[in-house]
Amino acid sequence: MVSARVLYIVVLPMSLRIYSFLLLICCTQVLLTESATRCCVPTNFRSNMDVTGGFLSNSGPNIVDNRVLLYFDYPTERSRTETRITLPGGGHLLHTEIADFAKHRVFKIDGDHCVESHMNATIQDRCISVDAKLVSTGYVGSPKNPLNIQTWRFSIPGTDIINYRMLTEISPGTCLPVLQAEHGFLNGDVRKNGEYAW
């Protein structure tokens, strides 16, 4: 099992959140090239993610300060997230979601309360597909200790959703996800916008 830890800070109000992906790209040295290796994520991996920042809603400003643990298992086609949520009074809540892509089921667990529901999603490909287009290579962080990344653009089959996936190569042909953004429509009418950082 491979571990990675990435800090993702969101400090933009919701109305500007769609630009956070562009801001990340602007802070990254961009070197367009087609020579990057198409890599695959490990069959099993886990990641720690710190989500810090805030957003505006009708009820006013909201602060986000969560720790998310992500477990991904390709052989069983399952993922699990554990989110430690800080409540307004200073307390904490552990929210767990288990996605079983093979059975198209998702389980949401809060304390001793569990809700099971159906999902249409299929597990994401482990490897960068041959139809994916390399958008950029570069790094995030200090030039003395960079996190080298590749950004790939591809469509999700059966939808008009465009997916941007940023990866860092840890060994030849093996990489870990850093950031992912999805934009488009699901089933022609349901808007899907999402950003995920590992």
Protein backbone atom coordinates (compact mmCIF):
# COMPACT_ATOMS: atom_id res chain seq x y z
CA MET A 1 0.00 0.00 0.00
CA VAL A 2 1.28 3.48 -0.91
CA SER A 3 0.55 6.58 1.18
CA ALA A 4 0.50 10.23 0.20
CA ARG A 5 -0.30 13.42 2.09
CA VAL A 6 -1.37 16.62 0.36
CA LEU A 7 -2.57 19.91 1.89
CA TYR A 8 -5.37 21.57 -0.11
CA ILE A 9 -6.42 25.04 1.04
CA VAL A 10 -9.61 26.65 -0.23
CA VAL A 11 -10.07 30.27 0.82
CA LEU A 12 -12.39 31.45 -1.94
CA PRO A 13 -16.10 32.18 -1.50
CA MET A 14 -18.41 29.76 -3.35
CA SER A 15 -19.02 32.29 -6.14
CA LEU A 16 -15.29 32.19 -6.99
CA ARG A 17 -14.67 28.51 -6.26
CA ILE A 18 -14.73 27.50 -9.93
CA TYR A 19 -11.57 29.57 -10.38
CA SER A 20 -9.59 27.69 -7.69
CA PHE A 21 -8.45 25.07 -10.24
CA LEU A 22 -7.22 27.87 -12.53
CA LEU A 23 -5.40 29.56 -9.64
CA LEU A 24 -3.62 26.30 -8.88
CA ILE A 25 -2.55 26.04 -12.52
CA CYS A 26 -1.34 29.68 -12.45
CA CYS A 27 0.87 28.87 -9.46
CA THR A 28 2.37 25.91 -11.31
CA GLN A 29 5.20 26.13 -13.79
CA VAL A 30 3.62 24.98 -17.03
CA LEU A 31 5.77 23.13 -19.57
CA LEU A 32 3.72 21.67 -22.42
CA THR A 33 5.14 18.41 -23.70
CA GLU A 34 3.83 15.12 -25.00
CA SER A 35 6.75 13.08 -23.62
CA ALA A 36 5.27 12.43 -20.16
CA THR A 37 4.69 8.80 -19.25
CA ARG A 38 1.10 7.56 -19.06
CA CYS A 39 1.07 6.15 -15.57
CA CYS A 40 -1.27 4.10 -13.38
CA VAL A 41 -2.21 4.58 -9.74
CA PRO A 42 -1.50 1.60 -7.43
CA THR A 43 -4.17 -1.10 -7.11
CA ASN A 44 -4.55 -0.07 -3.44
CA PHE A 45 -3.73 3.32 -1.99
CA ARG A 46 -4.71 5.61 0.86
CA SER A 47 -4.36 9.33 1.27
CA ASN A 48 -4.71 11.97 3.98
CA MET A 49 -6.30 15.22 2.89
CA ASP A 50 -6.69 18.41 4.90
CA VAL A 51 -9.53 20.61 3.63
CA THR A 52 -9.30 24.11 5.06
CA GLY A 53 -11.04 27.33 4.04
CA GLY A 54 -14.58 28.61 3.81
CA PHE A 55 -17.58 29.41 1.64
CA LEU A 56 -20.58 31.74 1.65
CA SER A 57 -24.16 30.51 1.83
CA ASN A 58 -27.53 32.21 2.36
CA SER A 59 -27.04 31.88 6.12
CA GLY A 60 -23.64 33.64 5.99
CA PRO A 61 -19.99 32.59 5.98
CA ASN A 62 -19.07 28.99 6.81
CA ILE A 63 -15.64 27.75 7.82
CA VAL A 64 -14.38 24.39 6.57
CA ASP A 65 -11.72 22.58 8.59
CA ASN A 66 -11.88 18.87 7.88
CA ARG A 67 -9.49 15.91 7.77
CA VAL A 68 -10.37 13.32 5.12
CA LEU A 69 -8.87 9.85 4.88
CA LEU A 70 -9.37 8.17 1.50
CA TYR A 71 -8.90 4.45 0.87
CA PHE A 72 -9.06 3.13 -2.70
CA ASP A 73 -9.10 -0.59 -3.59
CA TYR A 74 -9.26 -1.46 -7.30
CA PRO A 75 -9.45 -5.29 -6.99
CA THR A 76 -12.71 -5.05 -4.98
CA GLU A 77 -13.85 -1.85 -6.78
CA ARG A 78 -14.43 -0.02 -3.49
CA SER A 79 -13.47 3.29 -1.95
CA ARG A 80 -13.90 4.61 1.57
CA THR A 81 -13.68 8.14 2.89
CA GLU A 82 -13.59 9.12 6.54
CA THR A 83 -14.18 12.82 7.14
CA ARG A 84 -13.55 14.37 10.54
CA ILE A 85 -15.83 17.41 10.65
CA THR A 86 -15.34 20.22 13.17
CA LEU A 87 -18.76 21.41 14.37
CA PRO A 88 -19.54 25.08 15.19
CA GLY A 89 -19.45 24.41 18.96
CA GLY A 90 -15.98 22.87 18.73
CA GLY A 91 -17.14 19.26 18.76
CA HIS A 92 -16.30 16.71 16.08
CA LEU A 93 -18.24 14.28 13.90
CA LEU A 94 -16.83 11.36 11.90
CA HIS A 95 -18.64 10.89 8.56
CA THR A 96 -17.82 7.70 6.61
CA GLU A 97 -18.79 6.88 3.03
CA ILE A 98 -18.17 3.49 1.43
CA ALA A 99 -18.69 3.25 -2.33
CA ASP A 100 -19.06 -0.22 -3.83
CA PHE A 101 -18.72 0.44 -7.56
CA ALA A 102 -19.21 -3.24 -8.53
CA LYS A 103 -22.63 -3.37 -6.82
CA HIS A 104 -23.49 0.31 -7.50
CA ARG A 105 -24.15 0.95 -3.80
CA VAL A 106 -22.97 3.69 -1.46
CA PHE A 107 -23.18 3.63 2.34
CA LYS A 108 -23.12 6.87 4.37
CA ILE A 109 -22.39 6.39 8.07
CA ASP A 110 -22.66 8.98 10.87
CA GLY A 111 -22.15 7.44 14.30
CA ASP A 112 -24.56 4.48 14.49
CA HIS A 113 -26.76 5.81 11.64
CA CYS A 114 -26.20 4.27 8.16
CA VAL A 115 -27.98 5.14 4.92
CA GLU A 116 -27.60 2.92 1.84
CA SER A 117 -28.39 4.20 -1.65
CA HIS A 118 -27.92 3.36 -5.33
CA MET A 119 -25.27 5.03 -7.50
CA ASN A 120 -24.69 4.87 -11.25
CA ALA A 121 -20.98 5.67 -11.14
CA THR A 122 -18.35 3.20 -12.27
CA ILE A 123 -14.87 3.01 -10.84
CA GLN A 124 -12.39 5.37 -12.45
CA ASP A 125 -9.69 3.84 -14.65
CA ARG A 126 -6.41 3.17 -12.83
CA CYS A 127 -4.33 4.26 -15.80
CA ILE A 128 -4.28 7.34 -18.00
CA SER A 129 -6.16 6.26 -21.12
CA VAL A 130 -4.74 6.50 -24.65
CA ASP A 131 -7.36 9.13 -25.56
CA ALA A 132 -6.34 11.42 -22.67
CA LYS A 133 -4.51 14.61 -23.66
CA LEU A 134 -1.53 15.86 -21.70
CA VAL A 135 -2.33 19.49 -20.81
CA SER A 136 0.81 20.39 -18.84
CA THR A 137 3.71 19.21 -16.75
CA GLY A 138 5.32 21.21 -14.01
CA TYR A 139 5.60 21.39 -10.26
CA VAL A 140 3.90 22.81 -7.20
CA GLY A 141 5.92 24.10 -4.27
CA SER A 142 9.53 25.12 -3.91
CA PRO A 143 11.95 24.50 -6.81
CA LYS A 144 14.30 22.94 -4.24
CA ASN A 145 11.66 20.42 -3.13
CA PRO A 146 9.05 20.29 -5.91
CA LEU A 147 6.01 18.09 -6.27
CA ASN A 148 6.28 17.26 -9.98
CA ILE A 149 2.88 16.91 -11.60
CA GLN A 150 1.27 16.00 -14.91
CA THR A 151 -2.18 17.31 -15.84
CA TRP A 152 -4.29 15.17 -18.18
CA ARG A 153 -7.64 16.01 -19.81
CA PHE A 154 -10.12 13.33 -20.88
CA SER A 155 -13.84 12.70 -21.29
CA ILE A 156 -15.79 10.30 -19.09
CA PRO A 157 -17.41 7.64 -21.35
CA GLY A 158 -21.19 7.86 -21.66
CA THR A 159 -21.30 11.50 -20.46
CA ASP A 160 -20.24 14.93 -21.65
CA ILE A 161 -18.19 15.41 -18.48
CA ILE A 162 -14.63 16.64 -18.94
CA ASN A 163 -12.16 15.40 -16.33
CA TYR A 164 -8.84 17.03 -15.44
CA ARG A 165 -6.52 14.79 -13.44
CA MET A 166 -3.25 15.92 -11.85
CA LEU A 167 -0.82 13.15 -10.91
CA THR A 168 2.67 12.84 -9.49
CA GLU A 169 4.87 9.98 -10.67
CA ILE A 170 6.46 8.05 -7.77
CA SER A 171 8.25 5.44 -9.88
CA PRO A 172 8.34 4.65 -13.62
CA GLY A 173 4.73 4.00 -14.68
CA THR A 174 3.30 4.45 -11.16
CA CYS A 175 1.70 7.69 -9.97
CA LEU A 176 -0.47 9.09 -7.21
CA PRO A 177 -3.44 11.45 -7.70
CA VAL A 178 -2.94 15.03 -6.52
CA LEU A 179 -6.00 16.91 -7.76
CA GLN A 180 -8.98 16.12 -9.96
CA ALA A 181 -11.70 18.36 -11.38
CA GLU A 182 -14.85 17.31 -13.26
CA HIS A 183 -17.08 19.67 -15.20
CA GLY A 184 -20.10 18.95 -17.40
CA PHE A 185 -23.54 17.37 -17.40
CA LEU A 186 -24.55 13.91 -16.23
CA ASN A 187 -27.38 12.24 -18.20
CA GLY A 188 -27.80 15.44 -20.23
CA ASP A 189 -29.40 17.53 -17.48
CA VAL A 190 -27.71 17.09 -14.10
CA ARG A 191 -24.82 19.54 -13.67
CA LYS A 192 -21.71 17.92 -12.21
CA ASN A 193 -18.87 20.10 -10.97
CA GLY A 194 -16.41 18.68 -8.52
CA GLU A 195 -12.86 19.14 -7.33
CA TYR A 196 -11.00 16.51 -5.36
CA ALA A 197 -7.53 16.76 -3.83
CA TRP A 198 -5.54 13.94 -2.31
